[in-house]
Amino acid sequence: MSLTAEQVKKEVMLLTPENIEHYPCTQARKDDFRMLWNKCGPQAGRDVIFADIYYGKFPLPSEIFGKTS
């Protein structure tokens, strides 16, 4: 499955500090997400995981949380 950058942008919008704990990614990436979210804002947190999702390293958030943005 090939995603566009716009599709991945919509996907990362589903991630929050509350639900990232249940997202199947590395603990280091969860820590990066939370740190950037708190320090620089929500978009920075989401941007840190964007490439991992785009390149298929982690599943789509909508597949895990059962919803789309």
C-alpha atoms as a PDB file:
ATOM      1  CA  MET A   1       0.000   0.000   0.000  1.00  0.00           C
ATOM      2  CA  SER A   2       1.459   3.323  -1.035  1.00  0.00           C
ATOM      3  CA  LEU A   3       0.366   6.376   0.911  1.00  0.00           C
ATOM      4  CA  THR A   4       0.615   9.999  -0.041  1.00  0.00           C
ATOM      5  CA  ALA A   5       2.040  12.555   2.344  1.00  0.00           C
ATOM      6  CA  GLU A   6      -1.462  14.034   2.704  1.00  0.00           C
ATOM      7  CA  GLN A   7      -2.867  10.670   3.796  1.00  0.00           C
ATOM      8  CA  VAL A   8      -0.130  10.267   6.396  1.00  0.00           C
ATOM      9  CA  LYS A   9      -0.767  13.817   7.657  1.00  0.00           C
ATOM     10  CA  LYS A  10      -4.372  12.803   8.333  1.00  0.00           C
ATOM     11  CA  GLU A  11      -3.253   9.599  10.013  1.00  0.00           C
ATOM     12  CA  VAL A  12      -0.843  11.272  12.449  1.00  0.00           C
ATOM     13  CA  MET A  13      -3.622  13.644  13.516  1.00  0.00           C
ATOM     14  CA  LEU A  14      -5.136  10.654  15.332  1.00  0.00           C
ATOM     15  CA  LEU A  15      -2.147  10.424  17.692  1.00  0.00           C
ATOM     16  CA  THR A  16      -2.336  12.093  21.096  1.00  0.00           C
ATOM     17  CA  PRO A  17      -0.273  11.890  24.286  1.00  0.00           C
ATOM     18  CA  GLU A  18      -3.037   9.732  25.755  1.00  0.00           C
ATOM     19  CA  ASN A  19      -3.277   7.140  22.984  1.00  0.00           C
ATOM     20  CA  ILE A  20       0.392   6.997  21.920  1.00  0.00           C
ATOM     21  CA  GLU A  21       0.957   4.586  24.813  1.00  0.00           C
ATOM     22  CA  HIS A  22      -1.261   2.036  23.025  1.00  0.00           C
ATOM     23  CA  TYR A  23       0.291   2.588  19.602  1.00  0.00           C
ATOM     24  CA  PRO A  24       2.685  -0.188  18.500  1.00  0.00           C
ATOM     25  CA  CYS A  25       5.941   1.690  18.107  1.00  0.00           C
ATOM     26  CA  THR A  26       9.192   1.783  20.029  1.00  0.00           C
ATOM     27  CA  GLN A  27       9.331   3.286  23.498  1.00  0.00           C
ATOM     28  CA  ALA A  28      11.976   5.703  22.245  1.00  0.00           C
ATOM     29  CA  ARG A  29       9.580   6.995  19.571  1.00  0.00           C
ATOM     30  CA  LYS A  30       6.797   7.369  22.162  1.00  0.00           C
ATOM     31  CA  ASP A  31       9.177   9.358  24.350  1.00  0.00           C
ATOM     32  CA  ASP A  32      10.191  11.552  21.391  1.00  0.00           C
ATOM     33  CA  PHE A  33       6.517  12.132  20.552  1.00  0.00           C
ATOM     34  CA  ARG A  34       5.621  13.188  24.108  1.00  0.00           C
ATOM     35  CA  MET A  35       8.710  15.346  24.589  1.00  0.00           C
ATOM     36  CA  LEU A  36       8.203  17.261  21.345  1.00  0.00           C
ATOM     37  CA  TRP A  37       4.441  17.564  21.931  1.00  0.00           C
ATOM     38  CA  ASN A  38       5.074  19.134  25.339  1.00  0.00           C
ATOM     39  CA  LYS A  39       8.040  21.280  24.333  1.00  0.00           C
ATOM     40  CA  CYS A  40       7.099  22.456  20.822  1.00  0.00           C
ATOM     41  CA  GLY A  41       3.409  21.640  20.366  1.00  0.00           C
ATOM     42  CA  PRO A  42       1.190  18.911  18.949  1.00  0.00           C
ATOM     43  CA  GLN A  43       2.399  19.166  15.363  1.00  0.00           C
ATOM     44  CA  ALA A  44       6.027  18.676  16.374  1.00  0.00           C
ATOM     45  CA  GLY A  45       5.091  15.490  18.206  1.00  0.00           C
ATOM     46  CA  ARG A  46       3.212  14.199  15.215  1.00  0.00           C
ATOM     47  CA  ASP A  47       5.977  15.195  12.804  1.00  0.00           C
ATOM     48  CA  VAL A  48       8.523  13.053  14.656  1.00  0.00           C
ATOM     49  CA  ILE A  49       6.603   9.872  13.804  1.00  0.00           C
ATOM     50  CA  PHE A  50       5.466  10.932  10.311  1.00  0.00           C
ATOM     51  CA  ALA A  51       8.331   9.322   8.356  1.00  0.00           C
ATOM     52  CA  ASP A  52       8.079   6.045  10.269  1.00  0.00           C
ATOM     53  CA  ILE A  53       4.427   5.733   9.286  1.00  0.00           C
ATOM     54  CA  TYR A  54       5.018   6.956   5.727  1.00  0.00           C
ATOM     55  CA  TYR A  55       7.699   4.315   5.121  1.00  0.00           C
ATOM     56  CA  GLY A  56       5.655   1.554   6.768  1.00  0.00           C
ATOM     57  CA  LYS A  57       7.807   1.050   9.860  1.00  0.00           C
ATOM     58  CA  PHE A  58       4.725   1.410  12.062  1.00  0.00           C
ATOM     59  CA  PRO A  59       1.066   0.693  11.223  1.00  0.00           C
ATOM     60  CA  LEU A  60      -1.457   3.364  10.360  1.00  0.00           C
ATOM     61  CA  PRO A  61      -3.028   4.862  13.479  1.00  0.00           C
ATOM     62  CA  SER A  62      -6.477   4.345  11.952  1.00  0.00           C
ATOM     63  CA  GLU A  63      -5.811   0.590  11.804  1.00  0.00           C
ATOM     64  CA  ILE A  64      -4.994   0.553  15.520  1.00  0.00           C
ATOM     65  CA  PHE A  65      -7.642   2.943  16.804  1.00  0.00           C
ATOM     66  CA  GLY A  66     -10.372   1.981  14.333  1.00  0.00           C
ATOM     67  CA  LYS A  67     -11.159   5.458  13.071  1.00  0.00           C
ATOM     68  CA  THR A  68     -10.047   7.999  10.511  1.00  0.00           C
ATOM     69  CA  SER A  69      -9.474  11.712  10.932  1.00  0.00           C
END
